[in-house]
Amino acid sequence: MELFQLRAGEEFIRLGQVLKAAGFVENGGEAKEVIREGMVSVNGEIETRRGRKLYKGDIASYDGREVQVTV
């Protein structure tokens, strides 16, 4: 599992952004597509909203890889 650390003062990151930052996808368009197609889960549940807010402790999964949001 990879870790993504929020920047100082941030409370959340959007799902599409964390997929890009973790290197799971190349760009926002690809993030939008894989999320819309139901290929991404958050905390074990399929998520189809690219703008879903992820907070400390949330885990996003895509293509057998996971990233957890930390502070």
N, C-alpha and C. Protein backbone atom coordinates (compact mmCIF):
# COMPACT_ATOMS: atom_id res chain seq x y z
N MET A 1 0.85 -1.18 0.00
CA MET A 1 0.00 0.00 0.00
C MET A 1 0.89 1.24 0.00
N GLU A 2 0.52 2.19 -0.83
CA GLU A 2 1.23 3.46 -0.88
C GLU A 2 0.55 4.45 0.06
N LEU A 3 1.29 5.45 0.48
CA LEU A 3 0.74 6.49 1.34
C LEU A 3 0.78 7.82 0.62
N PHE A 4 -0.28 8.60 0.79
CA PHE A 4 -0.32 9.95 0.25
C PHE A 4 -0.52 10.90 1.41
N GLN A 5 0.43 11.79 1.62
CA GLN A 5 0.35 12.73 2.73
C GLN A 5 -0.26 14.05 2.28
N LEU A 6 -1.32 14.44 2.99
CA LEU A 6 -1.94 15.74 2.72
C LEU A 6 -0.97 16.86 3.05
N ARG A 7 -1.06 17.94 2.33
CA ARG A 7 -0.23 19.11 2.64
C ARG A 7 -0.73 19.79 3.90
N ALA A 8 0.14 20.53 4.54
CA ALA A 8 -0.22 21.25 5.77
C ALA A 8 -1.44 22.12 5.50
N GLY A 9 -2.42 22.05 6.37
CA GLY A 9 -3.62 22.85 6.25
C GLY A 9 -4.72 22.23 5.41
N GLU A 10 -4.42 21.16 4.67
CA GLU A 10 -5.44 20.49 3.86
C GLU A 10 -6.16 19.45 4.70
N GLU A 11 -7.47 19.36 4.53
CA GLU A 11 -8.26 18.37 5.24
C GLU A 11 -8.60 17.18 4.36
N PHE A 12 -8.58 17.39 3.03
CA PHE A 12 -8.98 16.32 2.11
C PHE A 12 -8.30 16.50 0.77
N ILE A 13 -8.40 15.46 -0.06
CA ILE A 13 -7.98 15.51 -1.46
C ILE A 13 -9.07 14.81 -2.25
N ARG A 14 -9.30 15.25 -3.46
CA ARG A 14 -10.34 14.63 -4.29
C ARG A 14 -9.79 13.35 -4.93
N LEU A 15 -10.69 12.41 -5.15
CA LEU A 15 -10.31 11.09 -5.65
C LEU A 15 -9.49 11.15 -6.93
N GLY A 16 -9.93 11.90 -7.90
CA GLY A 16 -9.18 12.01 -9.16
C GLY A 16 -7.77 12.53 -8.94
N GLN A 17 -7.61 13.46 -8.02
CA GLN A 17 -6.30 14.04 -7.73
C GLN A 17 -5.36 13.02 -7.09
N VAL A 18 -5.89 12.22 -6.17
CA VAL A 18 -5.02 11.26 -5.49
C VAL A 18 -4.61 10.14 -6.45
N LEU A 19 -5.47 9.77 -7.38
CA LEU A 19 -5.08 8.75 -8.37
C LEU A 19 -3.93 9.26 -9.23
N LYS A 20 -3.98 10.53 -9.60
CA LYS A 20 -2.89 11.13 -10.39
C LYS A 20 -1.62 11.24 -9.55
N ALA A 21 -1.75 11.76 -8.33
CA ALA A 21 -0.59 11.98 -7.47
C ALA A 21 0.13 10.67 -7.13
N ALA A 22 -0.63 9.60 -6.99
CA ALA A 22 -0.03 8.30 -6.65
C ALA A 22 0.53 7.60 -7.88
N GLY A 23 0.27 8.17 -9.07
CA GLY A 23 0.78 7.57 -10.30
C GLY A 23 -0.06 6.41 -10.80
N PHE A 24 -1.28 6.27 -10.32
CA PHE A 24 -2.16 5.20 -10.77
C PHE A 24 -2.68 5.47 -12.17
N VAL A 25 -2.81 6.74 -12.52
CA VAL A 25 -3.26 7.15 -13.85
C VAL A 25 -2.34 8.26 -14.36
N GLU A 26 -2.35 8.47 -15.66
CA GLU A 26 -1.47 9.47 -16.27
C GLU A 26 -1.99 10.89 -16.15
N ASN A 27 -3.32 11.06 -16.23
CA ASN A 27 -3.88 12.41 -16.26
C ASN A 27 -5.32 12.42 -15.76
N GLY A 28 -5.88 13.60 -15.68
CA GLY A 28 -7.24 13.75 -15.18
C GLY A 28 -8.29 13.07 -16.04
N GLY A 29 -8.07 13.06 -17.34
CA GLY A 29 -9.01 12.40 -18.25
C GLY A 29 -9.06 10.91 -18.00
N GLU A 30 -7.91 10.31 -17.79
CA GLU A 30 -7.87 8.88 -17.49
C GLU A 30 -8.51 8.59 -16.13
N ALA A 31 -8.25 9.46 -15.16
CA ALA A 31 -8.86 9.30 -13.83
C ALA A 31 -10.38 9.34 -13.95
N LYS A 32 -10.88 10.31 -14.69
CA LYS A 32 -12.32 10.46 -14.87
C LYS A 32 -12.92 9.19 -15.48
N GLU A 33 -12.25 8.64 -16.48
CA GLU A 33 -12.75 7.46 -17.18
C GLU A 33 -12.79 6.23 -16.28
N VAL A 34 -11.70 5.94 -15.58
CA VAL A 34 -11.67 4.72 -14.76
C VAL A 34 -12.62 4.83 -13.57
N ILE A 35 -12.79 6.03 -13.05
CA ILE A 35 -13.74 6.23 -11.95
C ILE A 35 -15.17 6.05 -12.45
N ARG A 36 -15.48 6.70 -13.57
CA ARG A 36 -16.83 6.61 -14.14
C ARG A 36 -17.21 5.17 -14.49
N GLU A 37 -16.23 4.39 -14.92
CA GLU A 37 -16.48 3.00 -15.30
C GLU A 37 -16.56 2.05 -14.10
N GLY A 38 -16.44 2.58 -12.88
CA GLY A 38 -16.57 1.76 -11.69
C GLY A 38 -15.37 0.90 -11.39
N MET A 39 -14.20 1.32 -11.84
CA MET A 39 -12.98 0.55 -11.64
C MET A 39 -12.21 0.96 -10.39
N VAL A 40 -12.72 1.95 -9.66
CA VAL A 40 -12.03 2.47 -8.47
C VAL A 40 -12.93 2.26 -7.25
N SER A 41 -12.32 1.89 -6.14
CA SER A 41 -13.09 1.78 -4.90
C SER A 41 -12.45 2.65 -3.83
N VAL A 42 -13.29 3.09 -2.90
CA VAL A 42 -12.84 3.85 -1.75
C VAL A 42 -13.35 3.11 -0.51
N ASN A 43 -12.42 2.75 0.34
CA ASN A 43 -12.74 2.01 1.56
C ASN A 43 -13.57 0.76 1.26
N GLY A 44 -13.22 0.10 0.16
CA GLY A 44 -13.85 -1.17 -0.19
C GLY A 44 -15.16 -1.07 -0.97
N GLU A 45 -15.62 0.14 -1.28
CA GLU A 45 -16.87 0.30 -2.02
C GLU A 45 -16.61 1.03 -3.34
N ILE A 46 -17.21 0.55 -4.42
CA ILE A 46 -17.05 1.18 -5.73
C ILE A 46 -17.47 2.64 -5.65
N GLU A 47 -16.64 3.51 -6.23
CA GLU A 47 -16.92 4.96 -6.23
C GLU A 47 -16.91 5.46 -7.66
N THR A 48 -17.95 6.18 -8.06
CA THR A 48 -18.04 6.69 -9.43
C THR A 48 -18.01 8.21 -9.49
N ARG A 49 -17.71 8.86 -8.36
CA ARG A 49 -17.63 10.32 -8.33
C ARG A 49 -16.16 10.75 -8.25
N ARG A 50 -15.69 11.39 -9.31
CA ARG A 50 -14.29 11.84 -9.35
C ARG A 50 -14.00 12.86 -8.26
N GLY A 51 -15.00 13.64 -7.89
CA GLY A 51 -14.83 14.68 -6.89
C GLY A 51 -14.97 14.21 -5.45
N ARG A 52 -15.13 12.91 -5.24
CA ARG A 52 -15.27 12.36 -3.89
C ARG A 52 -14.09 12.84 -3.04
N LYS A 53 -14.39 13.36 -1.86
CA LYS A 53 -13.35 13.85 -0.96
C LYS A 53 -12.81 12.69 -0.13
N LEU A 54 -11.49 12.58 -0.10
CA LEU A 54 -10.83 11.57 0.72
C LEU A 54 -10.15 12.27 1.90
N TYR A 55 -10.37 11.74 3.08
CA TYR A 55 -9.83 12.29 4.31
C TYR A 55 -8.81 11.31 4.90
N LYS A 56 -8.12 11.75 5.94
CA LYS A 56 -7.13 10.92 6.61
C LYS A 56 -7.72 9.53 6.90
N GLY A 57 -6.97 8.51 6.51
CA GLY A 57 -7.38 7.13 6.75
C GLY A 57 -8.12 6.47 5.61
N ASP A 58 -8.66 7.27 4.67
CA ASP A 58 -9.37 6.69 3.53
C ASP A 58 -8.38 5.96 2.62
N ILE A 59 -8.86 4.88 2.01
CA ILE A 59 -8.04 4.07 1.11
C ILE A 59 -8.73 3.99 -0.25
N ALA A 60 -8.01 4.38 -1.29
CA ALA A 60 -8.50 4.26 -2.67
C ALA A 60 -7.78 3.10 -3.33
N SER A 61 -8.51 2.30 -4.10
CA SER A 61 -7.95 1.14 -4.78
C SER A 61 -8.27 1.20 -6.27
N TYR A 62 -7.26 0.84 -7.07
CA TYR A 62 -7.44 0.77 -8.52
C TYR A 62 -6.42 -0.20 -9.10
N ASP A 63 -6.86 -1.10 -9.91
CA ASP A 63 -5.99 -2.02 -10.66
C ASP A 63 -5.02 -2.77 -9.74
N GLY A 64 -5.53 -3.22 -8.60
CA GLY A 64 -4.71 -4.02 -7.69
C GLY A 64 -3.77 -3.20 -6.81
N ARG A 65 -3.85 -1.90 -6.90
CA ARG A 65 -2.99 -1.03 -6.09
C ARG A 65 -3.85 -0.22 -5.13
N GLU A 66 -3.25 0.15 -3.99
CA GLU A 66 -3.96 0.92 -2.98
C GLU A 66 -3.14 2.11 -2.54
N VAL A 67 -3.85 3.19 -2.20
CA VAL A 67 -3.19 4.36 -1.62
C VAL A 67 -4.03 4.81 -0.44
N GLN A 68 -3.34 5.10 0.67
CA GLN A 68 -4.03 5.58 1.86
C GLN A 68 -3.66 7.03 2.11
N VAL A 69 -4.66 7.82 2.45
CA VAL A 69 -4.46 9.24 2.74
C VAL A 69 -3.99 9.38 4.19
N THR A 70 -2.89 10.10 4.38
CA THR A 70 -2.35 10.34 5.71
C THR A 70 -2.15 11.84 5.91
N VAL A 71 -1.87 12.20 7.16
CA VAL A 71 -1.61 13.61 7.48
C VAL A 71 -0.13 13.78 7.76
